[in-house]
Amino acid sequence: MRFLILISSDNPEVVWNAFRISNLILDQGDQASVFLNGPSVAYQKIDSQRFPIRKLARDLVLKGGHLWA
């Protein structure tokens, strides 16, 4: 199954959870793409130790998912 997750928030917890779900989808053998819209395009700036967004984004791409902005 194919999934597209649209992120349009710059809330770190929201962005982190969206990437976590995307990676879970890929781990289950399905296809996942993440589309960053509006303030979420700056996801790298809201990365923190509590919400390691950059790591999850890198994992998404390495697992074969797509990241669009």
PDB file of N, CA and C in Angstrom:
ATOM      1  N   MET A   1       0.833  -1.163   0.000  1.00  0.00           N
ATOM      2  CA  MET A   1       0.000   0.000   0.000  1.00  0.00           C
ATOM      3  C   MET A   1       0.891   1.243   0.000  1.00  0.00           C
ATOM      4  N   ARG A   2       0.419   2.305  -0.581  1.00  0.00           N
ATOM      5  CA  ARG A   2       1.163   3.564  -0.644  1.00  0.00           C
ATOM      6  C   ARG A   2       0.552   4.578   0.320  1.00  0.00           C
ATOM      7  N   PHE A   3       1.429   5.297   1.010  1.00  0.00           N
ATOM      8  CA  PHE A   3       0.992   6.340   1.936  1.00  0.00           C
ATOM      9  C   PHE A   3       1.723   7.641   1.615  1.00  0.00           C
ATOM     10  N   LEU A   4       0.989   8.739   1.699  1.00  0.00           N
ATOM     11  CA  LEU A   4       1.564  10.074   1.586  1.00  0.00           C
ATOM     12  C   LEU A   4       1.196  10.816   2.854  1.00  0.00           C
ATOM     13  N   ILE A   5       2.212  11.294   3.544  1.00  0.00           N
ATOM     14  CA  ILE A   5       1.987  12.059   4.764  1.00  0.00           C
ATOM     15  C   ILE A   5       2.363  13.503   4.475  1.00  0.00           C
ATOM     16  N   LEU A   6       1.424  14.395   4.707  1.00  0.00           N
ATOM     17  CA  LEU A   6       1.604  15.821   4.479  1.00  0.00           C
ATOM     18  C   LEU A   6       1.831  16.503   5.815  1.00  0.00           C
ATOM     19  N   ILE A   7       2.958  17.202   5.933  1.00  0.00           N
ATOM     20  CA  ILE A   7       3.277  17.925   7.161  1.00  0.00           C
ATOM     21  C   ILE A   7       3.246  19.414   6.843  1.00  0.00           C
ATOM     22  N   SER A   8       2.462  20.156   7.600  1.00  0.00           N
ATOM     23  CA  SER A   8       2.397  21.613   7.376  1.00  0.00           C
ATOM     24  C   SER A   8       2.510  22.358   8.701  1.00  0.00           C
ATOM     25  N   SER A   9       3.251  21.804   9.628  1.00  0.00           N
ATOM     26  CA  SER A   9       3.434  22.405  10.947  1.00  0.00           C
ATOM     27  C   SER A   9       4.923  22.478  11.256  1.00  0.00           C
ATOM     28  N   ASP A  10       5.288  23.443  12.084  1.00  0.00           N
ATOM     29  CA  ASP A  10       6.675  23.498  12.544  1.00  0.00           C
ATOM     30  C   ASP A  10       6.774  23.121  14.024  1.00  0.00           C
ATOM     31  N   ASN A  11       5.735  22.481  14.534  1.00  0.00           N
ATOM     32  CA  ASN A  11       5.752  21.969  15.897  1.00  0.00           C
ATOM     33  C   ASN A  11       6.648  20.726  15.907  1.00  0.00           C
ATOM     34  N   PRO A  12       7.731  20.736  16.680  1.00  0.00           N
ATOM     35  CA  PRO A  12       8.675  19.610  16.645  1.00  0.00           C
ATOM     36  C   PRO A  12       8.037  18.255  16.917  1.00  0.00           C
ATOM     37  N   GLU A  13       7.110  18.195  17.860  1.00  0.00           N
ATOM     38  CA  GLU A  13       6.496  16.908  18.182  1.00  0.00           C
ATOM     39  C   GLU A  13       5.629  16.386  17.038  1.00  0.00           C
ATOM     40  N   VAL A  14       4.940  17.276  16.359  1.00  0.00           N
ATOM     41  CA  VAL A  14       4.102  16.883  15.224  1.00  0.00           C
ATOM     42  C   VAL A  14       4.964  16.356  14.083  1.00  0.00           C
ATOM     43  N   VAL A  15       6.027  17.077  13.767  1.00  0.00           N
ATOM     44  CA  VAL A  15       6.920  16.665  12.676  1.00  0.00           C
ATOM     45  C   VAL A  15       7.611  15.348  13.026  1.00  0.00           C
ATOM     46  N   TRP A  16       8.073  15.230  14.243  1.00  0.00           N
ATOM     47  CA  TRP A  16       8.738  14.009  14.709  1.00  0.00           C
ATOM     48  C   TRP A  16       7.810  12.808  14.584  1.00  0.00           C
ATOM     49  N   ASN A  17       6.563  12.969  15.037  1.00  0.00           N
ATOM     50  CA  ASN A  17       5.604  11.865  14.951  1.00  0.00           C
ATOM     51  C   ASN A  17       5.280  11.489  13.508  1.00  0.00           C
ATOM     52  N   ALA A  18       5.194  12.464  12.636  1.00  0.00           N
ATOM     53  CA  ALA A  18       4.928  12.170  11.224  1.00  0.00           C
ATOM     54  C   ALA A  18       6.057  11.341  10.617  1.00  0.00           C
ATOM     55  N   PHE A  19       7.295  11.688  10.928  1.00  0.00           N
ATOM     56  CA  PHE A  19       8.424  10.901  10.422  1.00  0.00           C
ATOM     57  C   PHE A  19       8.485   9.520  11.076  1.00  0.00           C
ATOM     58  N   ARG A  20       8.141   9.424  12.350  1.00  0.00           N
ATOM     59  CA  ARG A  20       8.106   8.119  13.018  1.00  0.00           C
ATOM     60  C   ARG A  20       7.096   7.199  12.350  1.00  0.00           C
ATOM     61  N   ILE A  21       5.908   7.726  12.074  1.00  0.00           N
ATOM     62  CA  ILE A  21       4.866   6.933  11.420  1.00  0.00           C
ATOM     63  C   ILE A  21       5.320   6.518  10.022  1.00  0.00           C
ATOM     64  N   SER A  22       5.957   7.426   9.311  1.00  0.00           N
ATOM     65  CA  SER A  22       6.449   7.114   7.965  1.00  0.00           C
ATOM     66  C   SER A  22       7.451   5.963   7.991  1.00  0.00           C
ATOM     67  N   ASN A  23       8.353   5.997   8.947  1.00  0.00           N
ATOM     68  CA  ASN A  23       9.337   4.915   9.064  1.00  0.00           C
ATOM     69  C   ASN A  23       8.683   3.603   9.479  1.00  0.00           C
ATOM     70  N   LEU A  24       7.677   3.662  10.316  1.00  0.00           N
ATOM     71  CA  LEU A  24       6.945   2.459  10.696  1.00  0.00           C
ATOM     72  C   LEU A  24       6.256   1.846   9.477  1.00  0.00           C
ATOM     73  N   ILE A  25       5.675   2.691   8.640  1.00  0.00           N
ATOM     74  CA  ILE A  25       5.034   2.212   7.409  1.00  0.00           C
ATOM     75  C   ILE A  25       6.053   1.482   6.538  1.00  0.00           C
ATOM     76  N   LEU A  26       7.227   2.063   6.375  1.00  0.00           N
ATOM     77  CA  LEU A  26       8.272   1.425   5.573  1.00  0.00           C
ATOM     78  C   LEU A  26       8.722   0.107   6.199  1.00  0.00           C
ATOM     79  N   ASP A  27       8.826   0.072   7.518  1.00  0.00           N
ATOM     80  CA  ASP A  27       9.232  -1.156   8.201  1.00  0.00           C
ATOM     81  C   ASP A  27       8.212  -2.275   8.001  1.00  0.00           C
ATOM     82  N   GLN A  28       6.952  -1.914   7.762  1.00  0.00           N
ATOM     83  CA  GLN A  28       5.899  -2.904   7.543  1.00  0.00           C
ATOM     84  C   GLN A  28       5.861  -3.390   6.095  1.00  0.00           C
ATOM     85  N   GLY A  29       6.735  -2.830   5.237  1.00  0.00           N
ATOM     86  CA  GLY A  29       6.805  -3.273   3.854  1.00  0.00           C
ATOM     87  C   GLY A  29       5.968  -2.466   2.880  1.00  0.00           C
ATOM     88  N   ASP A  30       5.353  -1.391   3.345  1.00  0.00           N
ATOM     89  CA  ASP A  30       4.568  -0.527   2.470  1.00  0.00           C
ATOM     90  C   ASP A  30       5.431   0.645   1.997  1.00  0.00           C
ATOM     91  N   GLN A  31       4.886   1.467   1.115  1.00  0.00           N
ATOM     92  CA  GLN A  31       5.594   2.633   0.591  1.00  0.00           C
ATOM     93  C   GLN A  31       5.131   3.882   1.320  1.00  0.00           C
ATOM     94  N   ALA A  32       6.082   4.767   1.623  1.00  0.00           N
ATOM     95  CA  ALA A  32       5.751   6.009   2.329  1.00  0.00           C
ATOM     96  C   ALA A  32       6.478   7.181   1.699  1.00  0.00           C
ATOM     97  N   SER A  33       5.750   8.276   1.556  1.00  0.00           N
ATOM     98  CA  SER A  33       6.318   9.536   1.098  1.00  0.00           C
ATOM     99  C   SER A  33       5.884  10.619   2.072  1.00  0.00           C
ATOM    100  N   VAL A  34       6.777  11.575   2.300  1.00  0.00           N
ATOM    101  CA  VAL A  34       6.475  12.709   3.172  1.00  0.00           C
ATOM    102  C   VAL A  34       6.590  13.974   2.335  1.00  0.00           C
ATOM    103  N   PHE A  35       5.551  14.792   2.375  1.00  0.00           N
ATOM    104  CA  PHE A  35       5.549  16.077   1.685  1.00  0.00           C
ATOM    105  C   PHE A  35       5.562  17.173   2.733  1.00  0.00           C
ATOM    106  N   LEU A  36       6.594  18.019   2.681  1.00  0.00           N
ATOM    107  CA  LEU A  36       6.731  19.133   3.610  1.00  0.00           C
ATOM    108  C   LEU A  36       6.120  20.376   2.984  1.00  0.00           C
ATOM    109  N   ASN A  37       5.221  21.013   3.725  1.00  0.00           N
ATOM    110  CA  ASN A  37       4.507  22.174   3.222  1.00  0.00           C
ATOM    111  C   ASN A  37       4.622  23.318   4.239  1.00  0.00           C
ATOM    112  N   GLY A  38       4.794  24.530   3.736  1.00  0.00           N
ATOM    113  CA  GLY A  38       4.835  25.699   4.614  1.00  0.00           C
ATOM    114  C   GLY A  38       5.992  25.647   5.601  1.00  0.00           C
ATOM    115  N   PRO A  39       5.697  25.892   6.889  1.00  0.00           N
ATOM    116  CA  PRO A  39       6.773  25.986   7.882  1.00  0.00           C
ATOM    117  C   PRO A  39       7.518  24.678   8.137  1.00  0.00           C
ATOM    118  N   SER A  40       6.943  23.553   7.751  1.00  0.00           N
ATOM    119  CA  SER A  40       7.620  22.276   8.005  1.00  0.00           C
ATOM    120  C   SER A  40       8.854  22.083   7.133  1.00  0.00           C
ATOM    121  N   VAL A  41       8.996  22.889   6.096  1.00  0.00           N
ATOM    122  CA  VAL A  41      10.160  22.784   5.210  1.00  0.00           C
ATOM    123  C   VAL A  41      11.454  23.011   6.005  1.00  0.00           C
ATOM    124  N   ALA A  42      11.377  23.774   7.074  1.00  0.00           N
ATOM    125  CA  ALA A  42      12.549  24.063   7.908  1.00  0.00           C
ATOM    126  C   ALA A  42      12.695  23.034   9.037  1.00  0.00           C
ATOM    127  N   TYR A  43      12.365  21.784   8.768  1.00  0.00           N
ATOM    128  CA  TYR A  43      12.385  20.747   9.800  1.00  0.00           C
ATOM    129  C   TYR A  43      13.764  20.568  10.431  1.00  0.00           C
ATOM    130  N   GLN A  44      14.813  20.841   9.693  1.00  0.00           N
ATOM    131  CA  GLN A  44      16.166  20.658  10.235  1.00  0.00           C
ATOM    132  C   GLN A  44      16.459  21.651  11.361  1.00  0.00           C
ATOM    133  N   LYS A  45      15.836  22.805  11.325  1.00  0.00           N
ATOM    134  CA  LYS A  45      16.065  23.826  12.355  1.00  0.00           C
ATOM    135  C   LYS A  45      15.387  23.484  13.677  1.00  0.00           C
ATOM    136  N   ILE A  46      14.355  22.638  13.640  1.00  0.00           N
ATOM    137  CA  ILE A  46      13.643  22.296  14.880  1.00  0.00           C
ATOM    138  C   ILE A  46      14.089  20.953  15.445  1.00  0.00           C
ATOM    139  N   ASP A  47      15.127  20.377  14.856  1.00  0.00           N
ATOM    140  CA  ASP A  47      15.696  19.131  15.349  1.00  0.00           C
ATOM    141  C   ASP A  47      16.278  19.362  16.744  1.00  0.00           C
ATOM    142  N   SER A  48      16.106  18.401  17.624  1.00  0.00           N
ATOM    143  CA  SER A  48      16.657  18.510  18.977  1.00  0.00           C
ATOM    144  C   SER A  48      16.962  17.118  19.504  1.00  0.00           C
ATOM    145  N   GLN A  49      17.555  17.072  20.675  1.00  0.00           N
ATOM    146  CA  GLN A  49      17.854  15.779  21.279  1.00  0.00           C
ATOM    147  C   GLN A  49      16.551  15.058  21.628  1.00  0.00           C
ATOM    148  N   ARG A  50      15.554  15.793  22.060  1.00  0.00           N
ATOM    149  CA  ARG A  50      14.266  15.190  22.402  1.00  0.00           C
ATOM    150  C   ARG A  50      13.499  14.712  21.168  1.00  0.00           C
ATOM    151  N   PHE A  51      13.606  15.489  20.078  1.00  0.00           N
ATOM    152  CA  PHE A  51      12.928  15.163  18.823  1.00  0.00           C
ATOM    153  C   PHE A  51      13.965  15.101  17.695  1.00  0.00           C
ATOM    154  N   PRO A  52      14.628  13.943  17.518  1.00  0.00           N
ATOM    155  CA  PRO A  52      15.683  13.803  16.500  1.00  0.00           C
ATOM    156  C   PRO A  52      15.097  13.672  15.086  1.00  0.00           C
ATOM    157  N   ILE A  53      14.608  14.765  14.575  1.00  0.00           N
ATOM    158  CA  ILE A  53      13.895  14.779  13.298  1.00  0.00           C
ATOM    159  C   ILE A  53      14.831  14.482  12.130  1.00  0.00           C
ATOM    160  N   ARG A  54      16.021  15.055  12.137  1.00  0.00           N
ATOM    161  CA  ARG A  54      16.952  14.821  11.023  1.00  0.00           C
ATOM    162  C   ARG A  54      17.299  13.345  10.881  1.00  0.00           C
ATOM    163  N   LYS A  55      17.476  12.651  11.989  1.00  0.00           N
ATOM    164  CA  LYS A  55      17.782  11.219  11.936  1.00  0.00           C
ATOM    165  C   LYS A  55      16.617  10.450  11.315  1.00  0.00           C
ATOM    166  N   LEU A  56      15.406  10.777  11.723  1.00  0.00           N
ATOM    167  CA  LEU A  56      14.245  10.081  11.171  1.00  0.00           C
ATOM    168  C   LEU A  56      14.067  10.371   9.685  1.00  0.00           C
ATOM    169  N   ALA A  57      14.350  11.611   9.276  1.00  0.00           N
ATOM    170  CA  ALA A  57      14.251  11.965   7.859  1.00  0.00           C
ATOM    171  C   ALA A  57      15.305  11.197   7.053  1.00  0.00           C
ATOM    172  N   ARG A  58      16.505  11.090   7.590  1.00  0.00           N
ATOM    173  CA  ARG A  58      17.567  10.339   6.911  1.00  0.00           C
ATOM    174  C   ARG A  58      17.195   8.855   6.826  1.00  0.00           C
ATOM    175  N   ASP A  59      16.656   8.304   7.913  1.00  0.00           N
ATOM    176  CA  ASP A  59      16.227   6.905   7.910  1.00  0.00           C
ATOM    177  C   ASP A  59      15.147   6.663   6.855  1.00  0.00           C
ATOM    178  N   LEU A  60      14.214   7.604   6.740  1.00  0.00           N
ATOM    179  CA  LEU A  60      13.139   7.492   5.753  1.00  0.00           C
ATOM    180  C   LEU A  60      13.708   7.315   4.347  1.00  0.00           C
ATOM    181  N   VAL A  61      14.660   8.171   3.999  1.00  0.00           N
ATOM    182  CA  VAL A  61      15.232   8.139   2.649  1.00  0.00           C
ATOM    183  C   VAL A  61      16.074   6.870   2.466  1.00  0.00           C
ATOM    184  N   LEU A  62      16.844   6.492   3.469  1.00  0.00           N
ATOM    185  CA  LEU A  62      17.679   5.294   3.350  1.00  0.00           C
ATOM    186  C   LEU A  62      16.857   4.025   3.236  1.00  0.00           C
ATOM    187  N   LYS A  63      15.643   4.028   3.774  1.00  0.00           N
ATOM    188  CA  LYS A  63      14.756   2.869   3.680  1.00  0.00           C
ATOM    189  C   LYS A  63      13.969   2.839   2.373  1.00  0.00           C
ATOM    190  N   GLY A  64      14.155   3.853   1.538  1.00  0.00           N
ATOM    191  CA  GLY A  64      13.460   3.866   0.252  1.00  0.00           C
ATOM    192  C   GLY A  64      12.244   4.765   0.191  1.00  0.00           C
ATOM    193  N   GLY A  65      11.994   5.513   1.256  1.00  0.00           N
ATOM    194  CA  GLY A  65      10.877   6.463   1.244  1.00  0.00           C
ATOM    195  C   GLY A  65      11.256   7.723   0.487  1.00  0.00           C
ATOM    196  N   HIS A  66      10.281   8.559   0.232  1.00  0.00           N
ATOM    197  CA  HIS A  66      10.509   9.801  -0.505  1.00  0.00           C
ATOM    198  C   HIS A  66      10.226  10.998   0.394  1.00  0.00           C
ATOM    199  N   LEU A  67      11.037  12.031   0.248  1.00  0.00           N
ATOM    200  CA  LEU A  67      10.874  13.265   1.007  1.00  0.00           C
ATOM    201  C   LEU A  67      10.774  14.402   0.008  1.00  0.00           C
ATOM    202  N   TRP A  68       9.621  15.056  -0.017  1.00  0.00           N
ATOM    203  CA  TRP A  68       9.382  16.147  -0.945  1.00  0.00           C
ATOM    204  C   TRP A  68       9.106  17.437  -0.194  1.00  0.00           C
ATOM    205  N   ALA A  69       9.537  18.524  -0.806  1.00  0.00           N
ATOM    206  CA  ALA A  69       9.264  19.847  -0.205  1.00  0.00           C
ATOM    207  C   ALA A  69       8.859  20.811  -1.302  1.00  0.00           C
TER     208      ALA A  69
END
